[in-house]
C-alpha cells in the first residue's frame, strides 16, 4: 500500500514537471521576435498579437509548407488554447489570465510561421546556389 502511494505521488510529480517544462518551452519560443511580414499577414496592424489572432495564425501556419520536415505543428498549443478559452468563459476570475495565455499561444504560432518561412527561404537559396 505504501509503495503504491509513493508511486502515485511520483507519477503526479512527473506529470506536473512535464506541464511546467512544456509551458516554459512555449513561453521561450513565444518571446522570440516576429517579423513584420507575419504581423501583416495576421492583420496585426499595431504589432501586438492578441488571443483573437490565434485562429487566423493557425490557418496561416497550415498554409505555409514545410520543406525540411520534422515539424512539431500546433497540436498541443491548439489544445491548450481551447482549454484556456473555455476556462475564461466559465469564470470571470480567469478572464485576464486567459487572455494573456491566448495571446501567448498566438505569439507562439506567429514565431512558428516565421521559422517556417525563414527555413523555406534558406532552402530555396541553397537550391538556387547549386
Foldseek 3Di string as FASTA:
>chain_A
DVVVVVVVVVVVVVVVVVVVVVVVVLQVLLPDDFDVVLCVQLVVVVRAAWLVSLVSLLVLLVVQDADPDPDDHCVVLVVVLVVLVVVVVVDVVSVVVSGVSSSSSSSNSRSSSRVRVVNVVVVVVVVVVD
